[in-house]
Protein backbone atom coordinates (compact mmCIF):
# COMPACT_ATOMS: atom_id res chain seq x y z
CA MET A 1 47.48 -31.63 -10.28
CA LYS A 2 46.87 -31.30 -6.37
CA LYS A 3 44.41 -28.56 -5.11
CA PHE A 4 45.50 -26.33 -2.20
CA ILE A 5 43.35 -24.33 0.24
CA VAL A 6 44.81 -20.84 0.65
CA SER A 7 43.57 -19.27 4.28
CA TYR A 8 44.17 -15.52 4.65
CA LEU A 9 44.72 -14.80 8.38
CA ALA A 10 44.69 -11.39 10.04
CA PRO A 11 43.97 -9.85 13.46
CA VAL A 12 40.59 -8.10 13.94
CA ASP A 13 42.11 -4.62 14.06
CA ALA A 14 43.55 -5.21 10.46
CA THR A 15 40.03 -5.60 9.12
CA TRP A 16 39.05 -2.29 10.57
CA LYS A 17 41.73 -0.66 7.93
CA THR A 18 39.50 -1.75 5.14
CA GLN A 19 36.57 0.04 6.62
CA GLU A 20 38.59 3.22 6.75
CA SER A 21 40.16 3.04 3.44
CA THR A 22 39.55 5.74 0.81
CA PRO A 23 37.92 4.42 -2.43
CA GLU A 24 41.29 5.02 -3.88
CA GLU A 25 42.97 2.88 -1.44
CA MET A 26 40.35 0.02 -1.87
CA GLU A 27 40.81 0.28 -5.60
CA ALA A 28 44.66 0.22 -5.28
CA GLY A 29 44.31 -2.97 -3.00
CA MET A 30 42.04 -4.89 -5.52
CA LYS A 31 44.40 -4.13 -8.30
CA ALA A 32 47.13 -5.77 -6.37
CA TRP A 33 44.74 -8.75 -5.96
CA MET A 34 43.74 -8.97 -9.38
CA ASP A 35 47.44 -8.66 -10.59
CA TRP A 36 48.10 -11.48 -8.35
CA ALA A 37 45.29 -13.52 -9.81
CA GLN A 38 46.33 -12.71 -13.31
CA LYS A 39 50.06 -13.97 -12.38
CA CYS A 40 48.40 -17.32 -11.10
CA GLY A 41 46.57 -17.89 -14.25
CA ASP A 42 44.77 -21.28 -14.45
CA ASN A 43 46.39 -22.28 -11.28
CA LEU A 44 43.78 -20.14 -9.53
CA VAL A 45 40.90 -22.45 -9.13
CA ASP A 46 38.70 -20.14 -7.21
CA MET A 47 39.48 -16.60 -6.08
CA GLY A 48 37.52 -17.07 -2.95
CA THR A 49 35.74 -14.23 -0.85
CA PRO A 50 36.18 -12.52 2.25
CA LEU A 51 35.15 -14.43 5.34
CA GLY A 52 33.16 -13.12 8.58
CA ASN A 53 30.64 -13.89 11.23
CA ALA A 54 32.47 -17.17 12.30
CA VAL A 55 30.84 -19.50 14.85
CA THR A 56 32.30 -22.64 16.45
CA LEU A 57 30.30 -25.60 16.79
CA GLY A 58 30.70 -28.27 19.47
CA PRO A 59 29.23 -31.71 20.27
CA GLY A 60 25.69 -31.59 21.33
CA GLY A 61 24.95 -28.45 19.02
CA ASN A 62 26.55 -25.84 21.12
CA SER A 63 27.97 -22.87 19.51
CA ALA A 64 29.80 -19.68 20.18
CA SER A 65 31.36 -16.83 18.41
CA SER A 66 34.85 -17.95 16.96
CA GLU A 67 38.22 -16.08 17.48
CA SER A 68 39.41 -17.33 14.14
CA LYS A 69 41.73 -15.19 12.37
CA ILE A 70 40.60 -16.58 8.97
CA ILE A 71 39.28 -13.73 6.92
CA GLY A 72 39.17 -15.13 3.61
CA TYR A 73 40.12 -18.02 1.21
CA SER A 74 41.23 -18.95 -2.23
CA ILE A 75 41.75 -22.31 -3.99
CA LEU A 76 44.93 -23.01 -5.97
CA GLN A 77 46.03 -26.10 -8.20
CA ALA A 78 49.67 -26.85 -8.56
CA ASN A 79 51.84 -30.09 -8.94
CA SER A 80 53.39 -29.74 -5.64
CA MET A 81 53.28 -27.77 -2.22
CA GLU A 82 56.47 -25.88 -3.42
CA LYS A 83 54.67 -24.92 -6.58
CA ALA A 84 51.82 -23.67 -4.67
CA LYS A 85 54.22 -21.72 -2.35
CA ASP A 86 55.84 -20.23 -5.41
CA LEU A 87 52.36 -18.67 -6.37
CA LEU A 88 51.88 -17.07 -3.17
CA LYS A 89 55.28 -15.31 -3.25
CA ASP A 90 54.58 -11.52 -2.96
CA HIS A 91 50.88 -12.05 -2.19
CA PRO A 92 49.30 -8.79 -1.55
CA HIS A 93 47.70 -9.97 1.72
CA LEU A 94 51.09 -10.20 3.17
CA ASP A 95 51.37 -6.52 2.52
CA TRP A 96 48.27 -5.47 4.22
CA ASN A 97 49.48 -5.57 7.74
CA ALA A 98 52.41 -6.84 9.66
CA SER A 99 50.49 -9.43 11.45
CA CYS A 100 48.79 -10.88 8.31
CA GLU A 101 49.63 -14.65 7.59
CA ILE A 102 48.66 -17.20 4.68
CA GLU A 103 48.19 -20.69 5.54
CA LEU A 104 48.36 -23.17 2.80
CA HIS A 105 46.65 -26.65 3.06
CA GLU A 106 46.97 -29.43 0.48
CA SER A 107 43.58 -31.32 -0.20
CA LEU A 108 44.07 -35.05 0.41
CA ALA A 109 42.19 -37.84 -1.06
CA MET A 110 39.18 -39.29 1.04
CA PRO A 111 40.30 -42.38 3.16
CA GLY A 112 39.15 -45.34 1.22
CA SER A 113 38.63 -43.69 -2.22
């Protein structure tokens, strides 16, 4: 099976929504994610984690705060991109905020391997 990196994207203001959530809202949000994980079964290789505090590194060792909208990741396995996309239908991240998006990247073989 092929592996796919799932990147969860959201604007910064959407992340503030989580900080303002009640415990009940947070529990309902986590239940939606756990339901999605159960639906994926063995196709979900790694549930992933939230991401933050990003920096951009450049040539010569310079770095700066990143403006990336990536706020989390997961790793899926599936026979094709279409099957991986099917696993992401009705994903709870897309219901979180109207500006939320998901990027799906296929993991490719290293050149020469």
